Structure formats: structure tokens, C-alpha cells
Amino acid sequence: MKTYLIFTMTALLTATSCSVKKEDAKSFSGVPGEVKLITLDPGHFHAALVQKNSYPQVADEVYVYAPVGDDVKEHLAKVEAYNNRQDSPTRWEEVVYTGADFLEKMIAEKKGNVMVTAGNNGKKTDYIKRTLSAGIHVLADKPMAINPANFEVLKECFDIARDQHVLLYDIMTERHEITTILQRELSLLPAVYGKQLAGSPEEPGIVKESVHHFFKTVSGNPLKRPAWFFDVEQQGEGIVDVTTHLVDLVQWEAFPDVVIDYQKDIELLDANRWTTPMSKEQFKEVTGLDTYPDYLQKDVVGDILKVYSNGDITYKLKGLYAKVSVIWNYTFPAGGGDTHFSVMKGSKADLIIRQGKEQGYKPELYIEALPGVDPVAYEKELAASIPVIADKYPGVALNKIADNVWQVQIPANYRVGHEAHFGQVTENFLEYLKDGKLPDWEVPNMIAKYYVTTRALEMAKEKSK
């Protein structure tokens, strides 16, 4: 079954007029419409979030290649909702091909010059490799590798991208969360933070924890997840999925703009994995399916599906001890949502992000001076230093809430939300396309990040045998 469809029912453009020459795919000047997106097998809502906004540099026509099924229908429905909203509607024209040969068709037609992929992670690394080999840039949702074999292929992908003069970049939305940005900014001020403490395996110098939920809302609507999302062979275990963001943030905050060599700078110390149970009723609520597919039976005990969605990693990075952990619950308490906890430990103060009930489930950043610090002198240094932050982020201020504890006051305009971060990442990527390159540290640090997650999975599995 092969189907052509223009989602907004505007004019169908021919393959000849929309094909991108190989040399054109590698040179961008920023003129309107020069970036032509391809969406490949969109099985995760993150693919649609890239299109929540329009971008002058990006053409309205987006070429979608996917197998027939609910995944592509859900994707198109989300894009259509963005087109039809009252506030700042988008103008996307989805040109869709569905068929078993969707990947081969995409490569043969080459109608776009930037491919976006967010979906089945078991297939993603191969999608990336095939696309780069065709001379097409790739903007990929995390994770780009979910096991050690994928990691080896991913290293090949960066070699292919270099040889083809195209870019491969993953979508690190959490770098755009304002509390994380300010945590990093404050850690770079010696008067406020002092020096980064190395810590120990038992008390790491940086700790990050992320709590997520299977059942939640996206763009105001209940999220329907594909059944394969709960198969760790296709989605990946939690230790290689969400922890990608956390490992990235450790690198990005503690060693900004520094190249990391995964073979020399990283030592894995410990890793663990455990399951989240899900009843048949819960599975139906989040997928719409009455029964577990055959590929999930390996993870079913009685009537309960047990998903290896949780994990933690303790490792050493350039002498710094770090711990990251991810937890998946079925759903969140009333008024809640996904949450993030982070602490960076300096010689003068801890910088802590909390997002619990006390914070109204909004991330808030705190500065907590250490007990041995002179409180009077430190408060003066803090008052003198905060204008440096406010110059970059006007309106940011401090509110003293206890002895030696300050809450960072963040204006509402900086709190754009997780969904908006996808547009911010895309805007950065468009600038990199104009530059013709990524920052020098990005590729080695992506490799380092996926080494940590995939090697940790291997270590956790060895422990649980």
C-alpha cells in the first residue's frame, strides 16, 4: 500500500521541482524557505514539537515518509492542530508518503535537505546512517543509540557526516530550561560558587534526577503512546533514554565548551536498572489497546507489564564524580507533572533545582551557602555578583528565604515550558546550518554522552544477571 497525501490539501509539488541537489544540501545562507524538512517515521510526539513553530528559513512544505499506521496519523493530527490554533497558527503543508519502502523512497526522492527523526529508537541509528550517507542533514530526537552496538554505529555516523559535509545533531531541550541555564551561569561565578567540588562515589559533586510519567498531556491533550514505547528493545531502557539529557547537562554545565574524550576522561563506576509495573487497565488507558502485543509478552508477569524504565549511573568525568538517575511512574499527582532535581556542589555554595509539591511542580533554583562560609561576607559577594546574571537575563533577582538560602527570582517570560524548547533547539540548529558546522566540542561530547549511557546499560545488565 503506497499513499500520497498533502495534509493541508494545497498544491502537490513534483519530485523534480522539490528535489535538492547534493551540493545545495550542504550550503545555507539563511534565506527564507531554503531548509526543506523531511520527517521520517514519526512515532514520538517530539517530531511534531519541532513544528510547533514556523521558522522563516524553513519551507512550509514538509515531506513525511512513514509506514501506514497510528504513529503517522497521530503525528499529522498534532501538526494540523498547530495549523488550526488561534494563537500564532503555523502554515505547514505535510506531503505524505506511506508504504513499506518509505525509507528507500525518501532516499531516492531526496525532496528535503534536513531529516527530523523521533520515534522507534531501535531503528533510529540505522535511519540516521542511511540518511547521512545520502548527504542529508539530520536533527534527531534523543536517544540516538540505545545499546553498545548502536553506539559503534553512531560513531560511524559522525564519520559519515564529516565526509559528506552534513550535520548530525541531537535535540537537547534541557539546555534551554531557564533554571538550568542560571544554575550553569551561577556556577561560573567564583564569588558565588567557589570551585566545583569533585565529591565522591557516595556524595557526588553533581547529582541529577528526572521523574517522568507514562500517562500525561501534550499540547493540552492526553498523550497516546504507541505500544512499542513500552518495549525496551524498541524504545530503549530508561537508563539510555532520559538519562541522555542528564549526562548531557553534567557535561554542559561542569565543562562548558570543553572537548571530552570518552576514552580518557570517563570512568563508569556503578549502574542499576529496575522496572515500573503497569496494569492492563493502565496499558489500555495510555495506548488504547485491550491486550499486550506479542513482543511485550517477555515482560509480562501475570497480568502486569514490567518495563525497565528506571535506572541510575554513577561515573567519574575529568575527576568529577557525578550521578544521574531516571524514574518513570505511571502518572503524576493532581497539579503535578514531570519533575527535575539537580544539585551542583561548590566550595562556597550548592546550586539546587527543585520541582516538587512545595514549588507547585515548577522548577525553582536555590543558592544554599555552605556552613563554613562567612555569612556576612558571602551575602555581600552575592549581592555584587547577581547584576552579572541580570545583565544577561534582565529581571533575574534574589529572594532570601532563610539563613544562607536564596531563591532565584525568575521572570515569567523566561518560563516558556518544555514544548517550546524544541523550537529553541531547532533555531540553534538552523544557525549551525548557516555556519556550516557545529561547535568544536559538540561531536566529541555527543559521543562521550552516548558512551556513558550505553556502557552503563551493559554494566547494569551484568549486575542483574
Protein backbone atom coordinates (compact mmCIF):
# COMPACT_ATOMS: atom_id res chain seq x y z
CA MET A 1 0.00 0.00 0.00
CA LYS A 2 1.52 3.31 -1.09
CA THR A 3 -0.23 6.63 -0.48
CA TYR A 4 0.49 10.24 -1.41
CA LEU A 5 -1.27 12.94 0.58
CA ILE A 6 -0.91 16.68 1.05
CA PHE A 7 -2.07 17.26 4.58
CA THR A 8 -3.29 20.85 4.07
CA MET A 9 -4.59 19.95 0.60
CA THR A 10 -2.63 22.68 -1.16
CA ALA A 11 -0.74 22.18 -4.41
CA LEU A 12 1.20 18.93 -4.85
CA LEU A 13 4.76 19.73 -5.81
CA THR A 14 6.57 17.43 -8.17
CA ALA A 15 9.64 15.46 -7.19
CA THR A 16 11.61 17.28 -9.87
CA SER A 17 10.86 20.77 -8.58
CA CYS A 18 11.44 19.84 -4.93
CA SER A 19 14.46 17.60 -5.20
CA VAL A 20 17.55 19.05 -3.55
CA LYS A 21 20.85 18.84 -5.35
CA LYS A 22 23.63 17.30 -3.32
CA GLU A 23 25.70 20.46 -3.37
CA ASP A 24 22.71 22.61 -2.32
CA ALA A 25 22.02 20.40 0.70
CA LYS A 26 25.30 21.46 2.25
CA SER A 27 25.25 25.22 1.82
CA PHE A 28 22.83 27.53 3.62
CA SER A 29 22.69 31.31 3.75
CA GLY A 30 19.60 31.81 5.93
CA VAL A 31 17.27 32.91 3.13
CA PRO A 32 13.57 32.11 3.58
CA GLY A 33 12.49 28.60 2.67
CA GLU A 34 15.91 27.15 1.90
CA VAL A 35 15.63 24.45 4.57
CA LYS A 36 13.26 21.71 3.45
CA LEU A 37 12.30 19.31 6.21
CA ILE A 38 11.80 15.58 5.93
CA THR A 39 10.07 13.78 8.80
CA LEU A 40 10.97 10.09 8.90
CA ASP A 41 8.73 7.52 10.62
CA PRO A 42 7.41 9.88 13.34
CA GLY A 43 6.49 7.60 16.24
CA HIS A 44 7.10 10.04 19.08
CA PHE A 45 5.35 13.37 19.73
CA HIS A 46 8.73 15.15 19.78
CA ALA A 47 8.72 15.03 15.97
CA ALA A 48 5.62 17.22 15.93
CA LEU A 49 7.01 19.60 18.56
CA VAL A 50 9.81 20.58 16.16
CA GLN A 51 6.96 22.02 14.05
CA LYS A 52 5.06 23.71 16.85
CA ASN A 53 6.52 26.96 15.47
CA SER A 54 7.27 28.18 11.97
CA TYR A 55 10.77 29.36 11.00
CA PRO A 56 11.50 31.83 8.18
CA GLN A 57 14.42 29.71 6.96
CA VAL A 58 12.24 26.59 6.74
CA ALA A 59 9.85 25.96 3.84
CA ASP A 60 6.20 25.30 4.66
CA GLU A 61 6.19 22.00 2.74
CA VAL A 62 7.37 19.11 4.93
CA TYR A 63 7.88 15.67 3.40
CA VAL A 64 6.74 12.82 5.64
CA TYR A 65 7.83 9.23 4.96
CA ALA A 66 6.38 6.55 7.20
CA PRO A 67 4.73 3.14 7.31
CA VAL A 68 0.93 3.06 7.39
CA GLY A 69 -0.39 3.15 10.95
CA ASP A 70 -1.42 5.11 14.01
CA ASP A 71 2.03 6.68 14.54
CA VAL A 72 1.90 8.80 11.41
CA LYS A 73 -1.80 9.60 11.95
CA GLU A 74 -1.08 10.90 15.45
CA HIS A 75 1.81 12.97 14.12
CA LEU A 76 -0.27 14.57 11.37
CA ALA A 77 -3.09 15.33 13.80
CA LYS A 78 -0.72 17.23 16.08
CA VAL A 79 0.69 19.26 13.18
CA GLU A 80 -2.81 20.02 11.94
CA ALA A 81 -3.70 21.27 15.43
CA TYR A 82 -0.77 23.71 15.28
CA ASN A 83 -2.02 24.92 11.90
CA ASN A 84 -5.56 25.46 13.22
CA ARG A 85 -4.86 27.09 16.58
CA GLN A 86 -5.99 30.68 17.04
CA ASP A 87 -2.78 31.97 18.58
CA SER A 88 0.11 32.14 16.07
CA PRO A 89 -1.03 29.31 13.79
CA THR A 90 1.59 27.55 11.70
CA ARG A 91 1.35 27.02 7.92
CA TRP A 92 2.78 23.55 7.46
CA GLU A 93 1.87 21.63 4.31
CA GLU A 94 2.52 17.97 5.02
CA VAL A 95 3.31 15.96 1.89
CA VAL A 96 2.98 12.35 2.99
CA TYR A 97 4.19 9.07 1.56
CA THR A 98 3.18 5.86 3.31
CA GLY A 99 4.43 2.47 2.22
CA ALA A 100 6.65 -0.37 3.29
CA ASP A 101 9.51 1.14 1.24
CA PHE A 102 9.24 4.57 2.91
CA LEU A 103 12.96 4.74 3.80
CA GLU A 104 14.13 3.78 0.33
CA LYS A 105 11.60 6.20 -1.19
CA MET A 106 12.87 9.06 0.97
CA ILE A 107 16.47 8.43 -0.05
CA ALA A 108 15.62 8.01 -3.73
CA GLU A 109 13.46 11.15 -3.95
CA LYS A 110 15.61 13.31 -1.67
CA LYS A 111 12.98 16.04 -1.54
CA GLY A 112 14.40 17.69 1.57
CA ASN A 113 17.79 18.61 2.96
CA VAL A 114 17.18 18.16 6.72
CA MET A 115 15.67 14.99 8.15
CA VAL A 116 13.93 15.01 11.54
CA THR A 117 13.56 11.69 13.33
CA ALA A 118 11.75 10.98 16.60
CA GLY A 119 10.31 7.53 17.05
CA ASN A 120 11.31 3.91 17.37
CA ASN A 121 14.79 4.10 18.87
CA GLY A 122 15.65 0.55 17.85
CA LYS A 123 15.55 1.69 14.22
CA LYS A 124 16.82 5.23 14.67
CA THR A 125 20.57 4.65 14.39
CA ASP A 126 20.13 2.89 11.07
CA TYR A 127 17.79 5.65 9.83
CA ILE A 128 20.45 8.21 10.73
CA LYS A 129 23.23 6.30 8.98
CA ARG A 130 21.23 5.80 5.78
CA THR A 131 20.16 9.44 5.70
CA LEU A 132 23.63 10.87 6.28
CA SER A 133 25.04 8.57 3.61
CA ALA A 134 22.57 10.18 1.20
CA GLY A 135 24.02 13.62 2.01
CA ILE A 136 21.07 14.83 4.10
CA HIS A 137 21.48 16.66 7.42
CA VAL A 138 19.88 15.04 10.48
CA LEU A 139 18.19 16.58 13.52
CA ALA A 140 17.46 13.62 15.79
CA ASP A 141 15.48 13.24 18.96
CA LYS A 142 17.31 11.51 21.78
CA PRO A 143 18.45 8.84 22.20
CA MET A 144 20.46 8.24 19.04
CA ALA A 145 21.84 4.96 20.45
CA ILE A 146 20.22 2.55 22.93
CA ASN A 147 22.85 -0.20 23.25
CA PRO A 148 26.59 -0.75 22.72
CA ALA A 149 26.08 -1.97 19.14
CA ASN A 150 24.18 1.21 18.30
CA PHE A 151 26.98 3.23 19.87
CA GLU A 152 29.51 1.74 17.47
CA VAL A 153 27.24 2.58 14.52
CA LEU A 154 26.71 6.10 15.86
CA LYS A 155 30.46 6.71 15.85
CA GLU A 156 30.43 5.66 12.17
CA CYS A 157 27.58 8.13 11.59
CA PHE A 158 29.69 11.06 12.74
CA ASP A 159 32.46 9.94 10.37
CA ILE A 160 29.93 9.76 7.53
CA ALA A 161 28.58 13.22 8.40
CA ARG A 162 32.10 14.65 8.29
CA ASP A 163 32.86 13.01 4.93
CA GLN A 164 29.51 14.10 3.44
CA HIS A 165 29.82 17.64 4.86
CA VAL A 166 26.47 17.38 6.62
CA LEU A 167 25.49 17.86 10.27
CA LEU A 168 24.19 15.33 12.78
CA TYR A 169 22.73 16.87 15.94
CA ASP A 170 20.53 15.60 18.75
CA ILE A 171 17.74 17.57 20.39
CA MET A 172 18.94 18.58 23.84
CA THR A 173 15.96 20.60 25.05
CA GLU A 174 17.03 20.75 28.69
CA ARG A 175 19.86 23.14 27.89
CA HIS A 176 17.11 25.71 27.29
CA GLU A 177 15.34 25.33 30.66
CA ILE A 178 15.91 28.65 32.43
CA THR A 179 16.71 27.19 35.86
CA THR A 180 19.40 25.00 34.30
CA ILE A 181 20.80 27.95 32.34
CA LEU A 182 21.01 30.05 35.52
CA GLN A 183 22.47 27.15 37.50
CA ARG A 184 25.28 27.00 34.96
CA GLU A 185 25.74 30.78 34.92
CA LEU A 186 25.99 30.95 38.71
CA SER A 187 28.46 28.04 38.80
CA LEU A 188 30.79 30.13 36.63
CA LEU A 189 30.97 32.92 39.23
CA PRO A 190 33.71 32.09 41.79
CA ALA A 191 32.37 34.67 44.24
CA VAL A 192 29.05 32.81 44.34
CA TYR A 193 30.01 29.19 43.77
CA GLY A 194 33.68 28.94 44.61
CA LYS A 195 35.20 25.91 42.89
CA GLN A 196 33.41 22.78 41.73
CA LEU A 197 33.79 20.04 44.35
CA ALA A 198 34.83 16.68 42.95
CA GLY A 199 32.82 14.78 45.55
CA SER A 200 32.99 11.02 45.93
CA PRO A 201 31.07 7.95 44.70
CA GLU A 202 28.90 8.21 47.82
CA GLU A 203 28.49 12.02 47.66
CA PRO A 204 28.96 13.07 44.02
CA GLY A 205 29.81 16.65 43.12
CA ILE A 206 26.84 16.78 40.72
CA VAL A 207 23.54 14.88 41.08
CA LYS A 208 20.64 14.97 38.63
CA GLU A 209 17.34 13.11 38.84
CA SER A 210 14.43 13.16 36.41
CA VAL A 211 10.95 11.80 37.13
CA HIS A 212 8.67 11.11 34.15
CA HIS A 213 5.20 9.68 33.62
CA PHE A 214 3.72 7.31 31.07
CA PHE A 215 0.28 8.95 31.13
CA LYS A 216 0.32 12.73 30.68
CA THR A 217 -0.89 15.54 28.42
CA VAL A 218 0.88 17.18 25.48
CA SER A 219 -0.31 20.46 23.97
CA GLY A 220 -3.34 20.21 26.26
CA ASN A 221 -4.44 16.73 25.17
CA PRO A 222 -3.96 13.26 26.71
CA LEU A 223 -0.91 11.64 25.17
CA LYS A 224 -1.50 8.38 23.31
CA ARG A 225 1.67 6.29 23.29
CA PRO A 226 2.41 3.52 20.79
CA ALA A 227 2.64 0.03 22.31
CA TRP A 228 6.25 -0.29 21.16
CA PHE A 229 7.15 2.57 23.51
CA PHE A 230 6.99 0.02 26.34
CA ASP A 231 9.30 -2.46 24.63
CA VAL A 232 12.87 -1.79 25.72
CA GLU A 233 14.17 -3.42 22.52
CA GLN A 234 12.46 -0.67 20.54
CA GLN A 235 12.30 2.33 22.89
CA GLY A 236 15.38 1.54 24.94
CA GLU A 237 15.63 1.21 28.70
CA GLY A 238 15.27 4.28 30.89
CA ILE A 239 18.99 4.24 31.61
CA VAL A 240 19.75 5.01 27.93
CA ASP A 241 16.75 7.23 27.22
CA VAL A 242 16.00 10.17 29.53
CA THR A 243 19.43 9.91 31.17
CA THR A 244 20.80 11.16 27.83
CA HIS A 245 19.61 14.63 28.86
CA LEU A 246 21.10 14.34 32.33
CA VAL A 247 24.52 13.17 31.16
CA ASP A 248 24.48 15.97 28.60
CA LEU A 249 23.75 18.56 31.30
CA VAL A 250 26.57 17.32 33.52
CA GLN A 251 29.00 17.89 30.64
CA TRP A 252 27.41 21.17 29.52
CA GLU A 253 27.33 22.72 32.99
CA ALA A 254 30.53 21.42 34.59
CA PHE A 255 32.75 21.65 31.48
CA PRO A 256 31.26 24.32 29.19
CA ASP A 257 32.75 24.36 25.69
CA VAL A 258 35.36 21.75 26.71
CA VAL A 259 36.07 18.75 24.46
CA ILE A 260 35.54 15.43 26.28
CA ASP A 261 37.39 12.31 25.17
CA TYR A 262 35.27 9.32 26.20
CA GLN A 263 38.28 7.00 26.13
CA LYS A 264 40.35 9.12 28.53
CA ASP A 265 38.01 11.34 30.55
CA ILE A 266 35.25 8.96 31.69
CA GLU A 267 35.21 6.13 34.21
CA LEU A 268 31.96 4.22 34.82
CA LEU A 269 31.65 3.26 38.49
CA ASP A 270 28.15 1.85 39.00
CA ALA A 271 24.84 1.42 37.17
CA ASN A 272 21.46 -0.03 38.13
CA ARG A 273 18.13 -0.76 36.41
CA TRP A 274 14.66 -1.63 37.69
CA THR A 275 11.10 -1.87 36.38
CA THR A 276 7.87 0.11 36.61
CA PRO A 277 4.74 -2.09 36.81
CA MET A 278 1.73 -1.33 34.62
CA SER A 279 -1.67 -3.00 34.78
CA LYS A 280 -3.73 -4.00 31.74
CA GLU A 281 -6.15 -1.18 32.53
CA GLN A 282 -3.36 1.37 32.62
CA PHE A 283 -1.87 -0.01 29.40
CA LYS A 284 -5.24 0.40 27.68
CA GLU A 285 -5.63 3.94 29.01
CA VAL A 286 -2.31 5.08 27.56
CA THR A 287 -2.28 3.04 24.30
CA GLY A 288 -5.92 2.31 23.53
CA LEU A 289 -5.13 -1.44 23.22
CA ASP A 290 -7.01 -4.17 25.09
CA THR A 291 -4.14 -6.67 25.09
CA TYR A 292 -0.36 -6.67 25.21
CA PRO A 293 1.27 -7.28 21.79
CA ASP A 294 3.34 -10.44 21.41
CA TYR A 295 6.64 -8.55 21.61
CA LEU A 296 5.76 -7.39 25.14
CA GLN A 297 4.91 -10.86 26.49
CA LYS A 298 8.54 -11.33 27.57
CA ASP A 299 8.00 -8.54 30.11
CA VAL A 300 4.56 -9.63 31.40
CA VAL A 301 4.27 -11.32 34.80
CA GLY A 302 0.71 -12.45 35.42
CA ASP A 303 -1.29 -9.52 34.01
CA ILE A 304 1.32 -6.90 34.92
CA LEU A 305 3.68 -5.40 32.36
CA LYS A 306 7.08 -4.67 33.89
CA VAL A 307 9.01 -2.02 31.97
CA TYR A 308 12.75 -1.44 32.55
CA SER A 309 12.22 2.29 32.52
CA ASN A 310 14.27 3.22 35.60
CA GLY A 311 18.00 3.45 36.14
CA ASP A 312 20.91 5.28 37.69
CA ILE A 313 24.54 5.81 36.74
CA THR A 314 27.49 6.85 38.90
CA TYR A 315 30.61 7.84 36.99
CA LYS A 316 33.71 9.98 37.01
CA LEU A 317 34.18 12.73 34.42
CA LYS A 318 37.53 14.54 34.31
CA GLY A 319 37.94 13.89 38.04
CA LEU A 320 34.37 14.94 38.92
CA TYR A 321 32.02 12.37 40.45
CA ALA A 322 28.50 12.54 39.02
CA LYS A 323 25.29 10.61 39.48
CA VAL A 324 22.25 10.68 37.21
CA SER A 325 19.00 8.79 37.66
CA VAL A 326 15.65 8.48 35.91
CA ILE A 327 12.36 7.27 37.36
CA TRP A 328 9.15 6.56 35.43
CA ASN A 329 5.81 6.43 37.26
CA TYR A 330 2.50 5.70 35.59
CA THR A 331 1.05 9.19 36.14
CA PHE A 332 1.56 12.25 38.31
CA PRO A 333 -0.39 13.63 41.30
CA ALA A 334 -3.04 16.30 40.79
CA GLY A 335 -1.41 19.52 39.65
CA GLY A 336 1.88 17.75 39.00
CA GLY A 337 3.92 16.71 36.01
CA ASP A 338 7.38 15.54 35.05
CA THR A 339 9.94 16.80 37.57
CA HIS A 340 13.65 17.55 37.71
CA PHE A 341 16.07 17.68 40.64
CA SER A 342 19.64 18.88 40.29
CA VAL A 343 22.42 19.88 42.67
CA MET A 344 25.83 21.27 41.80
CA LYS A 345 28.17 21.36 44.79
CA GLY A 346 30.69 24.20 45.01
CA SER A 347 33.21 25.11 47.68
CA LYS A 348 31.07 28.11 48.71
CA ALA A 349 27.51 27.06 47.88
CA ASP A 350 25.22 24.39 46.50
CA LEU A 351 23.09 25.33 43.48
CA ILE A 352 19.88 23.30 43.70
CA ILE A 353 16.93 22.94 41.33
CA ARG A 354 13.78 21.56 42.95
CA GLN A 355 10.42 20.92 41.28
CA GLY A 356 8.24 19.26 43.90
CA LYS A 357 4.90 20.00 45.52
CA GLU A 358 6.41 22.86 47.55
CA GLN A 359 7.41 24.56 44.28
CA GLY A 360 4.00 23.94 42.72
CA TYR A 361 5.73 21.42 40.42
CA LYS A 362 7.57 24.30 38.72
CA PRO A 363 11.37 24.18 38.65
CA GLU A 364 12.91 26.65 41.07
CA LEU A 365 16.59 27.43 41.66
CA TYR A 366 18.13 27.95 45.07
CA ILE A 367 21.55 29.07 46.31
CA GLU A 368 22.50 27.48 49.63
CA ALA A 369 25.74 28.78 51.16
CA LEU A 370 27.82 26.14 52.93
CA PRO A 371 28.01 26.20 56.75
CA GLY A 372 31.69 27.19 56.85
CA VAL A 373 31.21 30.29 54.68
CA ASP A 374 31.20 33.71 56.41
CA PRO A 375 27.52 34.67 56.03
CA VAL A 376 28.02 38.45 56.05
CA ALA A 377 30.88 38.44 53.54
CA TYR A 378 29.12 35.91 51.33
CA GLU A 379 25.91 37.91 51.18
CA LYS A 380 27.87 40.97 50.06
CA GLU A 381 29.65 38.95 47.37
CA LEU A 382 26.34 37.51 46.23
CA ALA A 383 24.72 40.95 46.01
CA ALA A 384 27.68 42.22 43.97
CA SER A 385 27.61 39.23 41.63
CA ILE A 386 23.92 38.94 40.75
CA PRO A 387 23.99 42.01 38.41
CA VAL A 388 26.33 39.98 36.16
CA ILE A 389 23.48 37.48 35.71
CA ALA A 390 20.84 40.22 35.42
CA ASP A 391 22.79 41.86 32.59
CA LYS A 392 22.32 38.70 30.55
CA TYR A 393 18.85 37.88 31.86
CA PRO A 394 17.09 41.11 32.83
CA GLY A 395 14.73 40.81 35.74
CA VAL A 396 16.50 37.95 37.46
CA ALA A 397 16.91 38.70 41.17
CA LEU A 398 17.34 37.01 44.55
CA ASN A 399 14.95 36.48 47.44
CA LYS A 400 16.45 35.44 50.77
CA ILE A 401 14.16 32.78 52.23
CA ALA A 402 16.25 31.50 55.15
CA ASP A 403 19.67 31.90 56.71
CA ASN A 404 22.20 31.39 53.93
CA VAL A 405 19.45 30.32 51.47
CA TRP A 406 18.29 32.39 48.48
CA GLN A 407 15.70 31.60 45.85
CA VAL A 408 16.44 32.91 42.37
CA GLN A 409 13.52 35.02 41.18
CA ILE A 410 12.87 34.30 37.50
CA PRO A 411 10.52 36.47 35.40
CA ALA A 412 7.64 34.61 33.77
CA ASN A 413 8.81 35.43 30.23
CA TYR A 414 11.75 33.03 30.65
CA ARG A 415 9.49 30.14 31.67
CA VAL A 416 8.45 29.09 28.19
CA GLY A 417 7.94 25.39 29.00
CA HIS A 418 9.33 22.12 27.72
CA GLU A 419 7.43 22.11 24.43
CA ALA A 420 8.85 25.50 23.43
CA HIS A 421 12.40 24.22 23.95
CA PHE A 422 12.09 22.13 20.76
CA GLY A 423 11.73 25.32 18.76
CA GLN A 424 14.75 26.82 20.50
CA VAL A 425 16.89 23.78 19.68
CA THR A 426 15.71 23.93 16.06
CA GLU A 427 16.60 27.62 15.82
CA ASN A 428 20.12 26.82 17.06
CA PHE A 429 20.43 24.05 14.51
CA LEU A 430 19.40 26.41 11.72
CA GLU A 431 22.22 28.73 12.77
CA TYR A 432 24.67 25.82 12.68
CA LEU A 433 23.49 25.04 9.14
CA LYS A 434 24.33 28.63 8.14
CA ASP A 435 27.73 28.33 9.83
CA GLY A 436 28.32 25.02 8.07
CA LYS A 437 29.50 23.37 11.29
CA LEU A 438 28.71 22.56 14.90
CA PRO A 439 30.76 23.97 17.79
CA ASP A 440 34.05 22.07 18.01
CA TRP A 441 33.08 20.35 21.27
CA GLU A 442 29.64 19.12 20.22
CA VAL A 443 30.53 15.96 18.28
CA PRO A 444 33.10 14.52 20.74
CA ASN A 445 30.75 15.34 23.60
CA MET A 446 27.80 13.64 21.91
CA ILE A 447 29.97 10.55 21.51
CA ALA A 448 31.01 10.78 25.17
CA LYS A 449 27.40 11.11 26.27
CA TYR A 450 26.23 8.01 24.42
CA TYR A 451 29.26 6.06 25.63
CA VAL A 452 28.16 6.76 29.22
CA THR A 453 24.55 5.67 28.69
CA THR A 454 25.20 2.56 26.59
CA ARG A 455 28.11 1.36 28.69
CA ALA A 456 26.01 1.92 31.84
CA LEU A 457 23.26 -0.27 30.37
CA GLU A 458 25.80 -3.00 29.76
CA MET A 459 27.09 -2.66 33.34
CA ALA A 460 23.59 -2.68 34.87
CA LYS A 461 22.63 -5.80 32.92
CA GLU A 462 25.80 -7.56 34.06
CA LYS A 463 24.91 -6.75 37.68
CA SER A 464 21.34 -8.04 37.36
CA LYS A 465 22.24 -11.42 35.85
